[in-house]
PDB file of N, CA and C in Angstrom:
ATOM      1  N   MET A   1     -28.576  22.820  47.499  1.00  0.00           N
ATOM      2  CA  MET A   1     -27.746  23.609  48.400  1.00  0.00           C
ATOM      3  C   MET A   1     -28.614  24.030  49.590  1.00  0.00           C
ATOM      4  N   PRO A   2     -28.135  23.808  50.832  1.00  0.00           N
ATOM      5  CA  PRO A   2     -28.915  24.200  52.004  1.00  0.00           C
ATOM      6  C   PRO A   2     -29.085  25.711  52.074  1.00  0.00           C
ATOM      7  N   ALA A   3     -30.147  26.126  52.738  1.00  0.00           N
ATOM      8  CA  ALA A   3     -30.451  27.561  52.857  1.00  0.00           C
ATOM      9  C   ALA A   3     -29.355  28.296  53.620  1.00  0.00           C
ATOM     10  N   GLU A   4     -28.736  27.621  54.582  1.00  0.00           N
ATOM     11  CA  GLU A   4     -27.671  28.269  55.364  1.00  0.00           C
ATOM     12  C   GLU A   4     -26.491  28.664  54.484  1.00  0.00           C
ATOM     13  N   ASP A   5     -26.100  27.790  53.550  1.00  0.00           N
ATOM     14  CA  ASP A   5     -24.974  28.077  52.658  1.00  0.00           C
ATOM     15  C   ASP A   5     -25.294  29.247  51.734  1.00  0.00           C
ATOM     16  N   ARG A   6     -26.529  29.307  51.242  1.00  0.00           N
ATOM     17  CA  ARG A   6     -26.912  30.406  50.364  1.00  0.00           C
ATOM     18  C   ARG A   6     -26.911  31.732  51.120  1.00  0.00           C
ATOM     19  N   ASN A   7     -27.394  31.732  52.344  1.00  0.00           N
ATOM     20  CA  ASN A   7     -27.438  32.954  53.137  1.00  0.00           C
ATOM     21  C   ASN A   7     -26.043  33.388  53.582  1.00  0.00           C
ATOM     22  N   ALA A   8     -25.153  32.431  53.811  1.00  0.00           N
ATOM     23  CA  ALA A   8     -23.787  32.776  54.227  1.00  0.00           C
ATOM     24  C   ALA A   8     -23.089  33.587  53.147  1.00  0.00           C
ATOM     25  N   GLY A   9     -23.319  33.215  51.899  1.00  0.00           N
ATOM     26  CA  GLY A   9     -22.726  33.975  50.803  1.00  0.00           C
ATOM     27  C   GLY A   9     -23.268  35.389  50.742  1.00  0.00           C
ATOM     28  N   ASN A  10     -24.546  35.549  50.975  1.00  0.00           N
ATOM     29  CA  ASN A  10     -25.161  36.877  50.973  1.00  0.00           C
ATOM     30  C   ASN A  10     -24.648  37.722  52.132  1.00  0.00           C
ATOM     31  N   LYS A  11     -24.430  37.089  53.289  1.00  0.00           N
ATOM     32  CA  LYS A  11     -23.921  37.828  54.446  1.00  0.00           C
ATOM     33  C   LYS A  11     -22.542  38.396  54.155  1.00  0.00           C
ATOM     34  N   ASN A  12     -21.687  37.613  53.492  1.00  0.00           N
ATOM     35  CA  ASN A  12     -20.351  38.098  53.166  1.00  0.00           C
ATOM     36  C   ASN A  12     -20.409  39.297  52.235  1.00  0.00           C
ATOM     37  N   ILE A  13     -21.304  39.241  51.274  1.00  0.00           N
ATOM     38  CA  ILE A  13     -21.443  40.359  50.341  1.00  0.00           C
ATOM     39  C   ILE A  13     -21.933  41.591  51.082  1.00  0.00           C
ATOM     40  N   ASN A  14     -22.929  41.414  51.945  1.00  0.00           N
ATOM     41  CA  ASN A  14     -23.477  42.540  52.692  1.00  0.00           C
ATOM     42  C   ASN A  14     -22.446  43.126  53.640  1.00  0.00           C
ATOM     43  N   LEU A  15     -21.667  42.268  54.284  1.00  0.00           N
ATOM     44  CA  LEU A  15     -20.641  42.766  55.194  1.00  0.00           C
ATOM     45  C   LEU A  15     -19.608  43.591  54.457  1.00  0.00           C
ATOM     46  N   SER A  16     -19.202  43.129  53.289  1.00  0.00           N
ATOM     47  CA  SER A  16     -18.197  43.885  52.547  1.00  0.00           C
ATOM     48  C   SER A  16     -18.759  45.210  52.063  1.00  0.00           C
ATOM     49  N   GLN A  17     -20.023  45.229  51.691  1.00  0.00           N
ATOM     50  CA  GLN A  17     -20.637  46.480  51.262  1.00  0.00           C
ATOM     51  C   GLN A  17     -20.792  47.439  52.431  1.00  0.00           C
ATOM     52  N   ASN A  18     -21.179  46.936  53.588  1.00  0.00           N
ATOM     53  CA  ASN A  18     -21.342  47.780  54.772  1.00  0.00           C
ATOM     54  C   ASN A  18     -20.002  48.312  55.265  1.00  0.00           C
ATOM     55  N   ASN A  19     -18.989  47.484  55.233  1.00  0.00           N
ATOM     56  CA  ASN A  19     -17.673  47.922  55.709  1.00  0.00           C
ATOM     57  C   ASN A  19     -17.168  49.104  54.911  1.00  0.00           C
ATOM     58  N   GLY A  20     -17.415  49.104  53.637  1.00  0.00           N
ATOM     59  CA  GLY A  20     -16.950  50.203  52.806  1.00  0.00           C
ATOM     60  C   GLY A  20     -17.616  51.519  53.160  1.00  0.00           C
ATOM     61  N   SER A  21     -18.896  51.474  53.504  1.00  0.00           N
ATOM     62  CA  SER A  21     -19.603  52.719  53.796  1.00  0.00           C
ATOM     63  C   SER A  21     -19.451  53.139  55.245  1.00  0.00           C
ATOM     64  N   GLU A  22     -19.328  52.183  56.167  1.00  0.00           N
ATOM     65  CA  GLU A  22     -19.243  52.511  57.585  1.00  0.00           C
ATOM     66  C   GLU A  22     -17.830  52.856  58.028  1.00  0.00           C
ATOM     67  N   MET A  23     -16.844  52.356  57.326  1.00  0.00           N
ATOM     68  CA  MET A  23     -15.463  52.636  57.700  1.00  0.00           C
ATOM     69  C   MET A  23     -15.119  54.060  57.288  1.00  0.00           C
ATOM     70  N   GLY A  24     -14.522  54.794  58.194  1.00  0.00           N
ATOM     71  CA  GLY A  24     -14.107  56.145  57.877  1.00  0.00           C
ATOM     72  C   GLY A  24     -12.814  56.150  57.093  1.00  0.00           C
ATOM     73  N   GLN A  25     -12.381  57.330  56.717  1.00  0.00           N
ATOM     74  CA  GLN A  25     -11.131  57.457  55.967  1.00  0.00           C
ATOM     75  C   GLN A  25      -9.950  56.970  56.794  1.00  0.00           C
ATOM     76  N   ALA A  26     -10.016  57.122  58.115  1.00  0.00           N
ATOM     77  CA  ALA A  26      -8.901  56.725  58.970  1.00  0.00           C
ATOM     78  C   ALA A  26      -8.697  55.213  58.974  1.00  0.00           C
ATOM     79  N   ALA A  27      -9.745  54.447  58.729  1.00  0.00           N
ATOM     80  CA  ALA A  27      -9.653  52.995  58.788  1.00  0.00           C
ATOM     81  C   ALA A  27      -9.157  52.390  57.479  1.00  0.00           C
ATOM     82  N   ARG A  28      -9.107  53.154  56.415  1.00  0.00           N
ATOM     83  CA  ARG A  28      -8.677  52.624  55.119  1.00  0.00           C
ATOM     84  C   ARG A  28      -7.171  52.732  54.977  1.00  0.00           C
ATOM     85  N   LEU A  29      -6.582  51.756  54.301  1.00  0.00           N
ATOM     86  CA  LEU A  29      -5.143  51.737  54.087  1.00  0.00           C
ATOM     87  C   LEU A  29      -4.812  52.231  52.692  1.00  0.00           C
ATOM     88  N   ASP A  30      -3.778  53.029  52.599  1.00  0.00           N
ATOM     89  CA  ASP A  30      -3.292  53.497  51.308  1.00  0.00           C
ATOM     90  C   ASP A  30      -2.031  52.688  50.986  1.00  0.00           C
ATOM     91  N   PHE A  31      -2.211  51.608  50.242  1.00  0.00           N
ATOM     92  CA  PHE A  31      -1.101  50.709  49.971  1.00  0.00           C
ATOM     93  C   PHE A  31      -0.021  51.358  49.125  1.00  0.00           C
ATOM     94  N   SER A  32      -0.385  52.337  48.314  1.00  0.00           N
ATOM     95  CA  SER A  32       0.644  53.013  47.523  1.00  0.00           C
ATOM     96  C   SER A  32       1.571  53.815  48.435  1.00  0.00           C
ATOM     97  N   TRP A  33       1.020  54.408  49.513  1.00  0.00           N
ATOM     98  CA  TRP A  33       1.848  55.145  50.478  1.00  0.00           C
ATOM     99  C   TRP A  33       2.772  54.174  51.225  1.00  0.00           C
ATOM    100  N   ILE A  34       2.240  53.030  51.620  1.00  0.00           N
ATOM    101  CA  ILE A  34       3.047  52.030  52.324  1.00  0.00           C
ATOM    102  C   ILE A  34       4.189  51.567  51.435  1.00  0.00           C
ATOM    103  N   LEU A  35       3.909  51.317  50.171  1.00  0.00           N
ATOM    104  CA  LEU A  35       4.939  50.886  49.230  1.00  0.00           C
ATOM    105  C   LEU A  35       5.955  51.992  48.990  1.00  0.00           C
ATOM    106  N   PHE A  36       5.496  53.229  48.824  1.00  0.00           N
ATOM    107  CA  PHE A  36       6.398  54.365  48.599  1.00  0.00           C
ATOM    108  C   PHE A  36       7.346  54.559  49.779  1.00  0.00           C
ATOM    109  N   VAL A  37       6.801  54.597  50.977  1.00  0.00           N
ATOM    110  CA  VAL A  37       7.635  54.798  52.172  1.00  0.00           C
ATOM    111  C   VAL A  37       8.607  53.636  52.341  1.00  0.00           C
ATOM    112  N   GLY A  38       8.127  52.425  52.135  1.00  0.00           N
ATOM    113  CA  GLY A  38       8.970  51.252  52.303  1.00  0.00           C
ATOM    114  C   GLY A  38      10.133  51.201  51.328  1.00  0.00           C
ATOM    115  N   THR A  39       9.898  51.653  50.088  1.00  0.00           N
ATOM    116  CA  THR A  39      10.966  51.586  49.089  1.00  0.00           C
ATOM    117  C   THR A  39      11.854  52.820  49.101  1.00  0.00           C
ATOM    118  N   LYS A  40      11.255  54.003  49.138  1.00  0.00           N
ATOM    119  CA  LYS A  40      12.037  55.240  49.007  1.00  0.00           C
ATOM    120  C   LYS A  40      12.664  55.697  50.324  1.00  0.00           C
ATOM    121  N   MET A  41      11.933  55.572  51.422  1.00  0.00           N
ATOM    122  CA  MET A  41      12.439  56.072  52.693  1.00  0.00           C
ATOM    123  C   MET A  41      13.165  55.005  53.500  1.00  0.00           C
ATOM    124  N   LEU A  42      12.593  53.807  53.529  1.00  0.00           N
ATOM    125  CA  LEU A  42      13.193  52.737  54.338  1.00  0.00           C
ATOM    126  C   LEU A  42      14.214  51.916  53.566  1.00  0.00           C
ATOM    127  N   GLY A  43      14.189  51.982  52.227  1.00  0.00           N
ATOM    128  CA  GLY A  43      15.203  51.324  51.418  1.00  0.00           C
ATOM    129  C   GLY A  43      14.967  49.852  51.121  1.00  0.00           C
ATOM    130  N   PHE A  44      13.757  49.369  51.290  1.00  0.00           N
ATOM    131  CA  PHE A  44      13.454  47.976  50.978  1.00  0.00           C
ATOM    132  C   PHE A  44      12.999  47.850  49.531  1.00  0.00           C
ATOM    133  N   SER A  45      13.041  46.639  49.005  1.00  0.00           N
ATOM    134  CA  SER A  45      12.514  46.406  47.660  1.00  0.00           C
ATOM    135  C   SER A  45      10.991  46.274  47.751  1.00  0.00           C
ATOM    136  N   GLN A  46      10.332  46.349  46.595  1.00  0.00           N
ATOM    137  CA  GLN A  46       8.878  46.198  46.576  1.00  0.00           C
ATOM    138  C   GLN A  46       8.462  44.837  47.109  1.00  0.00           C
ATOM    139  N   LYS A  47       9.222  43.828  46.769  1.00  0.00           N
ATOM    140  CA  LYS A  47       8.913  42.475  47.215  1.00  0.00           C
ATOM    141  C   LYS A  47       9.023  42.372  48.738  1.00  0.00           C
ATOM    142  N   GLU A  48      10.072  42.987  49.314  1.00  0.00           N
ATOM    143  CA  GLU A  48      10.251  42.955  50.767  1.00  0.00           C
ATOM    144  C   GLU A  48       9.123  43.703  51.480  1.00  0.00           C
ATOM    145  N   VAL A  49       8.733  44.844  50.941  1.00  0.00           N
ATOM    146  CA  VAL A  49       7.641  45.614  51.549  1.00  0.00           C
ATOM    147  C   VAL A  49       6.339  44.821  51.458  1.00  0.00           C
ATOM    148  N   GLY A  50       6.111  44.159  50.344  1.00  0.00           N
ATOM    149  CA  GLY A  50       4.895  43.372  50.165  1.00  0.00           C
ATOM    150  C   GLY A  50       4.793  42.210  51.128  1.00  0.00           C
ATOM    151  N   ARG A  51       5.909  41.690  51.574  1.00  0.00           N
ATOM    152  CA  ARG A  51       5.906  40.559  52.498  1.00  0.00           C
ATOM    153  C   ARG A  51       5.941  40.980  53.970  1.00  0.00           C
ATOM    154  N   MET A  52       6.112  42.267  54.223  1.00  0.00           N
ATOM    155  CA  MET A  52       6.138  42.766  55.602  1.00  0.00           C
ATOM    156  C   MET A  52       4.744  42.784  56.193  1.00  0.00           C
ATOM    157  N   THR A  53       4.679  42.559  57.493  1.00  0.00           N
ATOM    158  CA  THR A  53       3.413  42.778  58.187  1.00  0.00           C
ATOM    159  C   THR A  53       3.254  44.276  58.399  1.00  0.00           C
ATOM    160  N   LEU A  54       2.032  44.717  58.577  1.00  0.00           N
ATOM    161  CA  LEU A  54       1.801  46.144  58.807  1.00  0.00           C
ATOM    162  C   LEU A  54       2.409  46.587  60.132  1.00  0.00           C
ATOM    163  N   LYS A  55       2.449  45.686  61.103  1.00  0.00           N
ATOM    164  CA  LYS A  55       3.049  46.017  62.393  1.00  0.00           C
ATOM    165  C   LYS A  55       4.547  46.289  62.230  1.00  0.00           C
ATOM    166  N   LYS A  56       5.229  45.431  61.497  1.00  0.00           N
ATOM    167  CA  LYS A  56       6.660  45.624  61.271  1.00  0.00           C
ATOM    168  C   LYS A  56       6.912  46.911  60.500  1.00  0.00           C
ATOM    169  N   TRP A  57       6.121  47.160  59.451  1.00  0.00           N
ATOM    170  CA  TRP A  57       6.286  48.378  58.663  1.00  0.00           C
ATOM    171  C   TRP A  57       6.084  49.608  59.534  1.00  0.00           C
ATOM    172  N   ASN A  58       5.061  49.574  60.368  1.00  0.00           N
ATOM    173  CA  ASN A  58       4.757  50.709  61.226  1.00  0.00           C
ATOM    174  C   ASN A  58       5.881  50.963  62.230  1.00  0.00           C
ATOM    175  N   LEU A  59       6.424  49.904  62.828  1.00  0.00           N
ATOM    176  CA  LEU A  59       7.533  50.061  63.773  1.00  0.00           C
ATOM    177  C   LEU A  59       8.768  50.649  63.086  1.00  0.00           C
ATOM    178  N   LEU A  60       9.081  50.166  61.898  1.00  0.00           N
ATOM    179  CA  LEU A  60      10.227  50.692  61.160  1.00  0.00           C
ATOM    180  C   LEU A  60      10.015  52.148  60.772  1.00  0.00           C
ATOM    181  N   PHE A  61       8.790  52.496  60.379  1.00  0.00           N
ATOM    182  CA  PHE A  61       8.500  53.875  59.995  1.00  0.00           C
ATOM    183  C   PHE A  61       8.587  54.811  61.200  1.00  0.00           C
ATOM    184  N   LYS A  62       8.140  54.361  62.381  1.00  0.00           N
ATOM    185  CA  LYS A  62       8.265  55.175  63.597  1.00  0.00           C
ATOM    186  C   LYS A  62       9.729  55.446  63.913  1.00  0.00           C
ATOM    187  N   HIS A  63      10.564  54.417  63.794  1.00  0.00           N
ATOM    188  CA  HIS A  63      12.002  54.598  64.041  1.00  0.00           C
ATOM    189  C   HIS A  63      12.618  55.531  63.005  1.00  0.00           C
ATOM    190  N   PHE A  64      12.180  55.398  61.758  1.00  0.00           N
ATOM    191  CA  PHE A  64      12.681  56.283  60.714  1.00  0.00           C
ATOM    192  C   PHE A  64      12.345  57.735  61.033  1.00  0.00           C
ATOM    193  N   LYS A  65      11.100  58.000  61.475  1.00  0.00           N
ATOM    194  CA  LYS A  65      10.703  59.366  61.792  1.00  0.00           C
ATOM    195  C   LYS A  65      11.541  59.935  62.931  1.00  0.00           C
ATOM    196  N   LYS A  66      11.786  59.124  63.969  1.00  0.00           N
ATOM    197  CA  LYS A  66      12.625  59.584  65.090  1.00  0.00           C
ATOM    198  C   LYS A  66      14.040  59.889  64.606  1.00  0.00           C
ATOM    199  N   TYR A  67      14.603  59.009  63.789  1.00  0.00           N
ATOM    200  CA  TYR A  67      15.956  59.196  63.276  1.00  0.00           C
ATOM    201  C   TYR A  67      16.019  60.429  62.381  1.00  0.00           C
ATOM    202  N   HIS A  68      15.022  60.606  61.531  1.00  0.00           N
ATOM    203  CA  HIS A  68      14.994  61.760  60.634  1.00  0.00           C
ATOM    204  C   HIS A  68      14.925  63.065  61.430  1.00  0.00           C
ATOM    205  N   ASN A  69      14.067  63.110  62.441  1.00  0.00           N
ATOM    206  CA  ASN A  69      13.965  64.296  63.279  1.00  0.00           C
ATOM    207  C   ASN A  69      15.273  64.553  64.025  1.00  0.00           C
ATOM    208  N   PHE A  70      15.917  63.504  64.475  1.00  0.00           N
ATOM    209  CA  PHE A  70      17.202  63.624  65.167  1.00  0.00           C
ATOM    210  C   PHE A  70      18.254  64.233  64.238  1.00  0.00           C
ATOM    211  N   LYS A  71      18.309  63.754  62.985  1.00  0.00           N
ATOM    212  CA  LYS A  71      19.309  64.255  62.036  1.00  0.00           C
ATOM    213  C   LYS A  71      19.012  65.690  61.604  1.00  0.00           C
ATOM    214  N   THR A  72      17.751  66.038  61.387  1.00  0.00           N
ATOM    215  CA  THR A  72      17.424  67.378  60.914  1.00  0.00           C
ATOM    216  C   THR A  72      17.556  68.431  62.005  1.00  0.00           C
ATOM    217  N   LYS A  73      17.357  68.052  63.251  1.00  0.00           N
ATOM    218  CA  LYS A  73      17.489  69.012  64.348  1.00  0.00           C
ATOM    219  C   LYS A  73      18.914  69.103  64.872  1.00  0.00           C
ATOM    220  N   GLY A  74      19.811  68.362  64.320  1.00  0.00           N
ATOM    221  CA  GLY A  74      21.214  68.433  64.709  1.00  0.00           C
ATOM    222  C   GLY A  74      21.587  67.539  65.867  1.00  0.00           C
ATOM    223  N   GLY A  75      20.659  66.807  66.401  1.00  0.00           N
ATOM    224  CA  GLY A  75      20.960  65.865  67.467  1.00  0.00           C
ATOM    225  C   GLY A  75      21.491  66.515  68.730  1.00  0.00           C
ATOM    226  N   LEU A  76      20.883  67.593  69.155  1.00  0.00           N
ATOM    227  CA  LEU A  76      21.340  68.283  70.350  1.00  0.00           C
ATOM    228  C   LEU A  76      20.734  67.655  71.595  1.00  0.00           C
ATOM    229  N   PHE A  77      21.592  67.388  72.564  1.00  0.00           N
ATOM    230  CA  PHE A  77      21.145  66.880  73.853  1.00  0.00           C
ATOM    231  C   PHE A  77      21.568  67.870  74.918  1.00  0.00           C
ATOM    232  N   LYS A  78      20.759  67.991  75.957  1.00  0.00           N
ATOM    233  CA  LYS A  78      21.176  68.877  77.036  1.00  0.00           C
ATOM    234  C   LYS A  78      22.286  68.185  77.828  1.00  0.00           C
ATOM    235  N   GLU A  79      23.249  68.972  78.235  1.00  0.00           N
ATOM    236  CA  GLU A  79      24.383  68.413  78.958  1.00  0.00           C
ATOM    237  C   GLU A  79      24.022  68.251  80.425  1.00  0.00           C
ATOM    238  N   GLU A  80      24.413  67.109  80.985  1.00  0.00           N
ATOM    239  CA  GLU A  80      24.151  66.861  82.394  1.00  0.00           C
ATOM    240  C   GLU A  80      25.290  67.439  83.224  1.00  0.00           C
ATOM    241  N   ALA A  81      24.959  67.852  84.424  1.00  0.00           N
ATOM    242  CA  ALA A  81      25.977  68.397  85.322  1.00  0.00           C
ATOM    243  C   ALA A  81      26.944  67.293  85.733  1.00  0.00           C
ATOM    244  N   GLU A  82      28.216  67.668  85.852  1.00  0.00           N
ATOM    245  CA  GLU A  82      29.221  66.684  86.242  1.00  0.00           C
ATOM    246  C   GLU A  82      29.062  66.332  87.711  1.00  0.00           C
ATOM    247  N   VAL A  83      29.226  65.059  88.013  1.00  0.00           N
ATOM    248  CA  VAL A  83      29.148  64.580  89.394  1.00  0.00           C
ATOM    249  C   VAL A  83      30.501  63.989  89.732  1.00  0.00           C
ATOM    250  N   ASN A  84      31.071  64.462  90.823  1.00  0.00           N
ATOM    251  CA  ASN A  84      32.341  63.928  91.280  1.00  0.00           C
ATOM    252  C   ASN A  84      32.062  62.623  92.011  1.00  0.00           C
ATOM    253  N   GLN A  85      32.310  61.500  91.326  1.00  0.00           N
ATOM    254  CA  GLN A  85      31.943  60.200  91.868  1.00  0.00           C
ATOM    255  C   GLN A  85      32.850  59.763  93.010  1.00  0.00           C
ATOM    256  N   CYS A  86      34.050  60.301  93.103  1.00  0.00           N
ATOM    257  CA  CYS A  86      34.973  59.890  94.171  1.00  0.00           C
ATOM    258  C   CYS A  86      34.469  60.334  95.541  1.00  0.00           C
ATOM    259  N   ASP A  87      33.916  61.539  95.601  1.00  0.00           N
ATOM    260  CA  ASP A  87      33.489  62.075  96.881  1.00  0.00           C
ATOM    261  C   ASP A  87      32.016  61.831  97.154  1.00  0.00           C
ATOM    262  N   GLU A  88      31.313  61.285  96.202  1.00  0.00           N
ATOM    263  CA  GLU A  88      29.877  61.140  96.340  1.00  0.00           C
ATOM    264  C   GLU A  88      29.486  60.195  97.462  1.00  0.00           C
ATOM    265  N   TRP A  89      30.202  59.134  97.651  1.00  0.00           N
ATOM    266  CA  TRP A  89      29.829  58.135  98.662  1.00  0.00           C
ATOM    267  C   TRP A  89      30.393  58.460 100.033  1.00  0.00           C
ATOM    268  N   ILE A  90      31.297  59.424 100.110  1.00  0.00           N
ATOM    269  CA  ILE A  90      31.871  59.805 101.395  1.00  0.00           C
ATOM    270  C   ILE A  90      31.040  60.929 102.004  1.00  0.00           C
ATOM    271  N   LYS A  91      30.551  60.691 103.208  1.00  0.00           N
ATOM    272  CA  LYS A  91      29.770  61.723 103.902  1.00  0.00           C
ATOM    273  C   LYS A  91      30.643  62.367 104.962  1.00  0.00           C
ATOM    274  N   GLU A  92      30.609  63.659 105.010  1.00  0.00           N
ATOM    275  CA  GLU A  92      31.459  64.357 105.990  1.00  0.00           C
ATOM    276  C   GLU A  92      30.710  64.690 107.230  1.00  0.00           C
TER     277      GLU A  92
END
């Protein structure tokens, strides 16, 4: 076996060991949370959540949060002032 192949295997091991210690808590994924949110909040099956990309899951979760906040706050919008469109284009 060439020396390059032997060293390549060692590099992979070292990289994986370094990644674990250098990566902060923010960089780690909690797959149980992703599965819980996907099944209980978003209504997908475990199989569907497992096949989702993280980007798709994140986009769906952002929309869910907006919708949830909208429903819990009562969905109040400020009313816009009425504009009389008939007279708007006529200048006196």
